[in-house]
N, C-alpha and C. Protein backbone atom coordinates (compact mmCIF):
# COMPACT_ATOMS: atom_id res chain seq x y z
N MET A 1 0.79 -1.17 0.05
CA MET A 1 -0.06 0.02 0.09
C MET A 1 0.89 1.28 0.01
N GLU A 2 1.99 1.22 0.75
CA GLU A 2 2.85 2.34 0.84
C GLU A 2 3.54 2.67 -0.57
N ARG A 3 3.75 1.62 -1.28
CA ARG A 3 4.33 1.76 -2.63
C ARG A 3 3.32 2.40 -3.60
N GLY A 4 2.14 1.95 -3.54
CA GLY A 4 1.14 2.61 -4.30
C GLY A 4 0.94 4.00 -4.03
N LEU A 5 1.00 4.38 -2.76
CA LEU A 5 0.99 5.92 -2.47
C LEU A 5 2.09 6.61 -2.96
N LEU A 6 3.27 5.99 -3.07
CA LEU A 6 4.43 6.61 -3.60
C LEU A 6 4.28 6.89 -5.14
N TRP A 7 3.58 5.99 -5.84
CA TRP A 7 3.47 6.17 -7.19
C TRP A 7 2.39 6.99 -7.66
N LEU A 8 1.40 7.24 -6.72
CA LEU A 8 0.24 8.08 -7.04
C LEU A 8 0.58 9.50 -7.64
N PRO A 9 1.64 10.11 -6.96
CA PRO A 9 1.93 11.45 -7.68
C PRO A 9 2.49 11.26 -9.18
N LEU A 10 3.18 10.25 -9.33
CA LEU A 10 3.71 10.02 -10.69
C LEU A 10 2.51 9.72 -11.58
N LEU A 11 1.62 9.08 -11.26
CA LEU A 11 0.42 8.68 -12.12
C LEU A 11 -0.38 10.04 -12.34
N ALA A 12 -0.47 10.81 -11.22
CA ALA A 12 -1.18 12.10 -11.47
C ALA A 12 -0.49 13.02 -12.42
N ALA A 13 0.96 13.00 -12.55
CA ALA A 13 1.72 13.82 -13.29
C ALA A 13 1.54 13.43 -14.67
N PHE A 14 1.56 12.01 -14.96
CA PHE A 14 1.32 11.35 -16.26
C PHE A 14 0.01 11.85 -16.81
N ILE A 15 -1.04 11.72 -16.05
CA ILE A 15 -2.48 11.98 -16.52
C ILE A 15 -2.47 13.50 -16.90
N TRP A 16 -1.91 14.32 -16.09
CA TRP A 16 -1.70 15.85 -16.38
C TRP A 16 -1.00 16.05 -17.74
N LEU A 17 0.08 15.34 -17.94
CA LEU A 17 0.83 15.61 -19.11
C LEU A 17 0.18 15.17 -20.32
N ALA A 18 -0.53 14.10 -20.23
CA ALA A 18 -1.46 13.47 -21.28
C ALA A 18 -2.51 14.51 -21.69
N TRP A 19 -3.12 15.16 -20.64
CA TRP A 19 -4.26 16.07 -20.90
C TRP A 19 -3.62 17.37 -21.60
N ALA A 20 -2.53 17.83 -20.98
CA ALA A 20 -1.90 19.01 -21.62
C ALA A 20 -1.48 18.85 -22.99
N GLY A 21 -0.97 17.53 -23.46
CA GLY A 21 -0.62 17.24 -24.84
C GLY A 21 -1.85 17.33 -25.66
N TRP A 22 -2.76 16.65 -25.14
CA TRP A 22 -4.14 16.53 -26.05
C TRP A 22 -4.84 18.01 -26.12
N ASN A 23 -4.67 18.77 -25.22
CA ASN A 23 -5.14 20.29 -25.20
C ASN A 23 -4.37 20.94 -26.23
N GLU A 24 -3.04 20.83 -26.23
CA GLU A 24 -2.33 21.62 -27.18
C GLU A 24 -2.54 21.01 -28.68
N PHE A 25 -2.53 19.72 -28.72
CA PHE A 25 -2.99 19.21 -30.05
C PHE A 25 -4.41 19.67 -30.67
N GLN A 26 -5.24 19.85 -29.76
CA GLN A 26 -6.49 20.42 -30.17
C GLN A 26 -6.46 21.89 -30.61
N LYS A 27 -5.56 22.78 -30.02
CA LYS A 27 -5.37 24.08 -30.39
C LYS A 27 -4.74 24.09 -31.66
N VAL A 28 -3.68 23.24 -31.99
CA VAL A 28 -3.04 23.24 -33.18
C VAL A 28 -3.87 22.79 -34.35
N GLN A 29 -4.88 21.81 -34.15
CA GLN A 29 -5.84 21.61 -34.99
C GLN A 29 -6.79 22.67 -35.42
N ALA A 30 -7.17 23.29 -34.40
CA ALA A 30 -8.22 24.52 -34.75
C ALA A 30 -7.39 25.68 -35.37
N TYR A 31 -6.25 25.80 -35.16
CA TYR A 31 -5.28 26.81 -35.86
C TYR A 31 -5.17 26.45 -37.29
N GLN A 32 -4.95 25.26 -37.64
CA GLN A 32 -4.70 24.74 -38.94
C GLN A 32 -6.04 24.95 -39.85
N ARG A 33 -7.10 24.75 -39.26
CA ARG A 33 -8.37 25.02 -39.95
C ARG A 33 -8.47 26.64 -40.09
N TRP A 34 -8.15 27.39 -39.13
CA TRP A 34 -8.34 28.72 -39.27
C TRP A 34 -7.37 29.39 -40.17
N ALA A 35 -6.04 28.95 -40.21
CA ALA A 35 -4.96 29.44 -41.01
C ALA A 35 -5.01 29.06 -42.37
N SER A 36 -5.97 28.27 -42.86
CA SER A 36 -5.95 27.87 -44.20
C SER A 36 -6.66 29.01 -45.00
N GLN A 37 -7.31 30.06 -44.50
CA GLN A 37 -7.74 31.27 -45.08
C GLN A 37 -6.77 32.32 -45.42
N PHE A 38 -5.47 32.19 -44.95
CA PHE A 38 -4.65 33.24 -45.05
C PHE A 38 -3.49 32.80 -45.89
N GLU A 39 -2.82 33.84 -46.51
CA GLU A 39 -1.59 33.63 -47.30
C GLU A 39 -0.35 33.15 -46.56
N ARG A 40 -0.21 33.79 -45.21
CA ARG A 40 0.87 33.47 -44.48
C ARG A 40 0.29 33.55 -43.05
N ALA A 41 0.78 32.55 -42.13
CA ALA A 41 0.17 32.52 -40.77
C ALA A 41 1.21 31.99 -39.87
N LYS A 42 1.03 32.21 -38.60
CA LYS A 42 1.92 31.68 -37.49
C LYS A 42 1.12 31.29 -36.34
N TYR A 43 1.48 30.27 -35.59
CA TYR A 43 1.01 29.78 -34.33
C TYR A 43 2.00 29.76 -33.15
N ASP A 44 1.60 30.26 -32.04
CA ASP A 44 2.39 29.93 -30.97
C ASP A 44 1.38 29.89 -29.80
N ILE A 45 1.92 29.57 -28.42
CA ILE A 45 0.98 29.42 -27.47
C ILE A 45 0.39 30.90 -26.97
N TYR A 46 1.03 32.03 -27.46
CA TYR A 46 0.44 33.22 -26.99
C TYR A 46 -0.52 33.85 -27.93
N ALA A 47 -0.30 33.60 -29.31
CA ALA A 47 -1.07 34.42 -30.32
C ALA A 47 -1.05 33.48 -31.68
N VAL A 48 -2.06 33.77 -32.40
CA VAL A 48 -2.13 33.34 -33.82
C VAL A 48 -2.12 34.58 -34.67
N LEU A 49 -1.44 34.52 -35.85
CA LEU A 49 -1.58 35.66 -36.70
C LEU A 49 -1.65 35.20 -38.18
N GLY A 50 -2.45 35.92 -38.85
CA GLY A 50 -2.61 35.48 -40.23
C GLY A 50 -2.66 36.80 -41.12
N GLN A 51 -1.99 36.65 -42.37
CA GLN A 51 -1.86 37.88 -43.32
C GLN A 51 -2.58 37.45 -44.53
N ASN A 52 -3.38 38.36 -45.09
CA ASN A 52 -4.03 38.26 -46.44
C ASN A 52 -3.74 39.67 -47.02
N GLY A 53 -2.93 39.72 -47.97
CA GLY A 53 -2.50 40.98 -48.55
C GLY A 53 -2.01 41.99 -47.60
N SER A 54 -2.65 43.09 -47.31
CA SER A 54 -2.07 44.16 -46.36
C SER A 54 -2.82 43.91 -45.10
N ASN A 55 -3.77 43.13 -45.03
CA ASN A 55 -4.60 42.88 -43.70
C ASN A 55 -3.95 41.87 -42.78
N LEU A 56 -3.82 42.13 -41.49
CA LEU A 56 -3.42 41.20 -40.48
C LEU A 56 -4.44 40.93 -39.54
N THR A 57 -4.62 39.64 -39.14
CA THR A 57 -5.61 39.26 -38.05
C THR A 57 -4.91 38.33 -37.16
N TRP A 58 -5.27 38.79 -36.00
CA TRP A 58 -4.52 38.06 -34.83
C TRP A 58 -5.46 37.83 -33.61
N GLY A 59 -5.22 36.78 -32.84
CA GLY A 59 -6.02 36.41 -31.66
C GLY A 59 -5.39 35.59 -30.76
N LYS A 60 -6.14 34.93 -29.82
CA LYS A 60 -5.54 33.96 -28.85
C LYS A 60 -6.16 32.55 -29.29
N PRO A 61 -5.17 31.66 -29.29
CA PRO A 61 -5.57 30.19 -29.69
C PRO A 61 -6.47 29.63 -28.73
N THR A 62 -7.33 28.80 -29.00
CA THR A 62 -8.15 28.05 -28.20
C THR A 62 -8.37 26.57 -28.83
N ARG A 63 -9.10 25.76 -28.03
CA ARG A 63 -9.21 24.36 -28.64
C ARG A 63 -10.32 24.32 -29.90
N SER A 64 -11.19 25.31 -29.72
CA SER A 64 -12.25 25.31 -30.71
C SER A 64 -11.82 26.17 -31.89
N GLU A 65 -11.50 27.50 -31.74
CA GLU A 65 -10.90 28.26 -32.71
C GLU A 65 -10.35 29.43 -32.02
N PRO A 66 -9.67 30.21 -32.79
CA PRO A 66 -9.00 31.52 -32.12
C PRO A 66 -10.07 32.39 -31.64
N ILE A 67 -9.80 33.08 -30.54
CA ILE A 67 -10.81 34.01 -30.05
C ILE A 67 -10.08 35.53 -29.86
N ASN A 68 -10.96 36.45 -29.49
CA ASN A 68 -10.49 37.87 -29.52
C ASN A 68 -9.85 38.24 -30.73
N LEU A 69 -10.25 37.96 -31.91
CA LEU A 69 -9.72 38.30 -33.18
C LEU A 69 -9.75 39.71 -33.48
N GLN A 70 -8.65 40.42 -33.94
CA GLN A 70 -8.59 41.67 -34.37
C GLN A 70 -7.95 41.71 -35.68
N THR A 71 -8.47 42.79 -36.54
CA THR A 71 -7.88 42.95 -37.85
C THR A 71 -7.55 44.26 -38.05
N PHE A 72 -6.39 44.46 -38.71
CA PHE A 72 -6.01 45.83 -39.07
C PHE A 72 -5.19 45.71 -40.43
N SER A 73 -4.86 46.90 -41.06
CA SER A 73 -4.32 46.90 -42.27
C SER A 73 -2.88 47.63 -42.10
N LEU A 74 -1.96 47.05 -42.79
CA LEU A 74 -0.67 47.61 -42.71
C LEU A 74 -0.69 49.11 -43.41
N ILE A 75 -1.73 49.33 -44.25
CA ILE A 75 -1.80 50.66 -44.82
C ILE A 75 -1.82 51.75 -43.79
N ASN A 76 -2.56 51.42 -42.59
CA ASN A 76 -2.66 52.34 -41.49
C ASN A 76 -1.62 52.27 -40.39
N ILE A 77 -0.52 51.56 -40.77
CA ILE A 77 0.65 51.33 -39.75
C ILE A 77 1.79 52.37 -40.19
N LYS A 78 2.24 53.02 -39.15
CA LYS A 78 3.43 54.03 -39.35
C LYS A 78 4.61 53.36 -39.14
N TYR A 79 4.92 52.48 -38.11
CA TYR A 79 6.06 51.81 -37.68
C TYR A 79 5.78 50.37 -37.12
N ILE A 80 6.71 49.51 -37.26
CA ILE A 80 6.64 48.20 -36.71
C ILE A 80 7.85 48.18 -35.83
N TYR A 81 7.68 47.79 -34.55
CA TYR A 81 8.90 47.62 -33.66
C TYR A 81 8.91 46.06 -33.19
N LEU A 82 10.29 45.67 -33.11
CA LEU A 82 10.25 44.43 -32.34
C LEU A 82 10.62 44.69 -30.82
N MET A 83 9.88 44.20 -30.01
CA MET A 83 9.85 44.46 -28.62
C MET A 83 10.35 43.28 -27.94
N VAL A 84 11.46 43.45 -27.16
CA VAL A 84 12.02 42.48 -26.23
C VAL A 84 12.10 43.04 -24.87
N ASP A 85 11.42 42.45 -23.81
CA ASP A 85 11.41 42.97 -22.54
C ASP A 85 11.00 44.42 -22.51
N ASP A 86 9.84 44.77 -23.21
CA ASP A 86 9.24 46.07 -23.34
C ASP A 86 10.22 47.15 -23.83
N LYS A 87 11.35 46.78 -24.61
CA LYS A 87 12.18 47.67 -25.22
C LYS A 87 12.25 47.44 -26.76
N ALA A 88 12.31 48.42 -27.54
CA ALA A 88 12.36 48.36 -28.96
C ALA A 88 13.86 47.92 -29.21
N VAL A 89 14.04 46.75 -30.06
CA VAL A 89 15.31 46.42 -30.45
C VAL A 89 15.47 46.36 -31.97
N ASP A 90 16.68 46.13 -32.44
CA ASP A 90 16.82 46.06 -33.89
C ASP A 90 16.57 44.71 -34.38
N SER A 91 15.65 44.59 -35.24
CA SER A 91 15.20 43.26 -35.77
C SER A 91 16.27 42.61 -36.65
N LYS A 92 17.32 43.31 -37.12
CA LYS A 92 18.33 42.74 -37.87
C LYS A 92 19.40 42.17 -37.07
N ASN A 93 19.48 42.59 -35.74
CA ASN A 93 20.44 42.16 -34.87
C ASN A 93 19.64 41.98 -33.36
N PRO A 94 18.82 41.07 -33.34
CA PRO A 94 18.02 40.96 -32.02
C PRO A 94 18.80 40.25 -31.01
N PRO A 95 18.43 40.51 -29.78
CA PRO A 95 19.17 39.73 -28.67
C PRO A 95 18.92 38.33 -28.82
N SER A 96 19.63 37.41 -27.95
CA SER A 96 19.39 36.09 -27.97
C SER A 96 18.45 35.60 -26.90
N GLN A 97 18.22 36.45 -26.00
CA GLN A 97 17.29 36.10 -24.91
C GLN A 97 16.36 37.25 -24.48
N GLY A 98 15.27 36.94 -23.93
CA GLY A 98 14.34 37.95 -23.40
C GLY A 98 13.20 37.16 -22.75
N ARG A 99 12.54 37.88 -21.84
CA ARG A 99 11.31 37.38 -21.12
C ARG A 99 10.14 37.49 -21.86
N THR A 100 9.97 38.68 -22.47
CA THR A 100 8.70 38.84 -23.25
C THR A 100 9.00 39.41 -24.66
N VAL A 101 8.30 38.93 -25.56
CA VAL A 101 8.62 39.34 -27.08
C VAL A 101 7.37 39.66 -27.70
N ALA A 102 7.38 40.73 -28.64
CA ALA A 102 6.18 41.18 -29.27
C ALA A 102 6.48 41.94 -30.49
N LEU A 103 5.69 41.95 -31.30
CA LEU A 103 5.72 43.04 -32.50
C LEU A 103 4.73 44.06 -32.07
N GLU A 104 5.07 45.50 -32.26
CA GLU A 104 4.32 46.37 -31.86
C GLU A 104 4.08 47.28 -33.10
N PHE A 105 2.79 47.42 -33.40
CA PHE A 105 2.39 48.18 -34.60
C PHE A 105 1.79 49.45 -34.21
N LEU A 106 2.36 50.57 -34.72
CA LEU A 106 1.99 51.97 -34.34
C LEU A 106 1.17 52.49 -35.58
N PHE A 107 -0.06 52.72 -35.04
CA PHE A 107 -0.91 53.30 -36.16
C PHE A 107 -0.66 54.84 -36.54
N SER A 108 -0.88 55.17 -37.77
CA SER A 108 -0.39 56.56 -38.35
C SER A 108 -1.31 57.57 -37.65
N GLU A 109 -2.62 57.51 -37.85
CA GLU A 109 -3.56 58.63 -37.45
C GLU A 109 -3.74 58.69 -36.07
N SER A 110 -3.97 57.71 -35.32
CA SER A 110 -4.38 57.81 -33.85
C SER A 110 -3.17 57.56 -32.88
N GLY A 111 -2.07 57.17 -33.46
CA GLY A 111 -1.02 56.92 -32.46
C GLY A 111 -1.12 55.84 -31.48
N ALA A 112 -2.24 55.07 -31.62
CA ALA A 112 -2.44 53.93 -30.85
C ALA A 112 -1.53 52.75 -31.39
N SER A 113 -1.32 51.80 -30.47
CA SER A 113 -0.57 50.67 -30.94
C SER A 113 -1.20 49.46 -30.59
N VAL A 114 -0.77 48.35 -31.36
CA VAL A 114 -1.12 46.93 -31.05
C VAL A 114 0.12 46.17 -30.87
N ARG A 115 0.10 45.36 -29.86
CA ARG A 115 1.25 44.38 -29.54
C ARG A 115 0.78 43.00 -29.83
N ILE A 116 1.53 42.26 -30.70
CA ILE A 116 1.24 40.79 -30.92
C ILE A 116 2.36 40.10 -30.17
N PRO A 117 2.02 39.16 -29.20
CA PRO A 117 3.06 38.36 -28.54
C PRO A 117 3.64 37.33 -29.35
N PHE A 118 4.84 36.92 -29.04
CA PHE A 118 5.63 35.72 -29.72
C PHE A 118 6.22 35.04 -28.62
N THR A 119 6.60 33.91 -28.81
CA THR A 119 7.36 32.97 -27.88
C THR A 119 8.79 33.04 -28.22
N GLU A 120 9.21 33.21 -29.56
CA GLU A 120 10.60 33.26 -29.84
C GLU A 120 10.97 34.51 -30.39
N ILE A 121 12.15 35.10 -30.02
CA ILE A 121 12.61 36.21 -30.60
C ILE A 121 13.00 36.04 -32.13
N ALA A 122 13.58 34.93 -32.54
CA ALA A 122 13.79 34.66 -34.02
C ALA A 122 12.57 34.85 -34.90
N LEU A 123 11.68 34.16 -34.38
CA LEU A 123 10.42 34.21 -35.17
C LEU A 123 9.82 35.55 -35.24
N ALA A 124 9.83 36.37 -34.25
CA ALA A 124 9.22 37.62 -34.07
C ALA A 124 10.06 38.48 -35.11
N ALA A 125 11.34 38.41 -35.01
CA ALA A 125 12.36 39.14 -35.89
C ALA A 125 12.11 38.81 -37.39
N GLU A 126 11.86 37.58 -37.73
CA GLU A 126 11.58 37.23 -39.01
C GLU A 126 10.24 37.97 -39.63
N TRP A 127 9.24 37.85 -38.78
CA TRP A 127 7.99 38.32 -39.09
C TRP A 127 8.06 39.78 -39.23
N GLY A 128 8.84 40.50 -38.24
CA GLY A 128 9.13 41.93 -38.26
C GLY A 128 9.80 42.40 -39.52
N LYS A 129 10.75 41.66 -39.95
CA LYS A 129 11.46 42.03 -41.14
C LYS A 129 10.66 42.00 -42.34
N TYR A 130 9.93 40.91 -42.50
CA TYR A 130 9.03 40.59 -43.72
C TYR A 130 7.87 41.65 -43.68
N LEU A 131 7.31 41.95 -42.53
CA LEU A 131 6.12 42.98 -42.49
C LEU A 131 6.66 44.32 -42.62
N GLN A 132 7.91 44.71 -42.28
CA GLN A 132 8.55 46.03 -42.63
C GLN A 132 8.60 46.17 -43.99
N GLN A 133 9.14 45.16 -44.63
CA GLN A 133 9.21 45.17 -46.18
C GLN A 133 7.99 45.49 -46.86
N GLU A 134 6.95 44.67 -46.37
CA GLU A 134 5.54 44.80 -46.93
C GLU A 134 5.02 46.36 -46.64
N LEU A 135 5.37 46.78 -45.40
CA LEU A 135 5.05 48.29 -45.04
C LEU A 135 5.67 49.18 -46.10
N GLN A 136 6.91 49.11 -46.32
CA GLN A 136 7.59 49.89 -47.22
C GLN A 136 7.09 49.82 -48.59
N ARG A 137 6.82 48.62 -49.05
CA ARG A 137 6.20 48.40 -50.45
C ARG A 137 4.81 49.19 -50.56
N LEU A 138 3.94 48.98 -49.36
CA LEU A 138 2.68 49.69 -49.49
C LEU A 138 2.77 51.10 -49.47
N HIS A 139 3.80 51.72 -48.69
CA HIS A 139 3.88 53.16 -48.58
C HIS A 139 4.76 53.77 -49.83
N ASN A 140 5.38 52.99 -50.51
CA ASN A 140 6.03 53.44 -51.70
C ASN A 140 5.21 53.28 -52.95
N GLY A 141 3.99 52.59 -52.84
CA GLY A 141 3.13 52.33 -53.91
C GLY A 141 3.73 51.36 -55.01
N ALA A 142 4.58 50.58 -54.58
CA ALA A 142 5.18 49.55 -55.59
C ALA A 142 4.23 48.29 -55.64
C-alpha cells in the first residue's frame, strides 16, 4: 500500500501531461483550420497571426477556434517595432534572450498601438522584417 501511495503522484503527473498534450494538439488542429484562409500564418501558445494582402488578423488560440480576433491593415501602420522585455530592439540584430517578445504596430492617425506576442525572438524578428518590407512596399506604392 505504501508503494502504491508513492506512485500516485507520478500517475497524476502522467495524466496531467497527457491532458496538456491533448489540449495543445486540439489548439493546433483548430489553428490549422483557421490558418487555411490566409496567405501566411503563425501559431504559438500566445497568439495566432494571419496575413492576407495588407490585412493582419490576430487573436488567442483555443481548442475550438482562435478568440479575441482583431484585424487591421498595414496601410494604417506607421512603424513596426520588435519589442523584447518592453524595449524596442533592432530586428536585424536581435538579442538572443528575453522574457517577453512582441511585435508592436504603431498606427499613423491615432498614435495607438497593437502588440502581438511571440514566444521566440527569432520568429518575431523574421515576421518583423517581412512585415516591414511589406509596409515599405505599400507606402512606396510599388
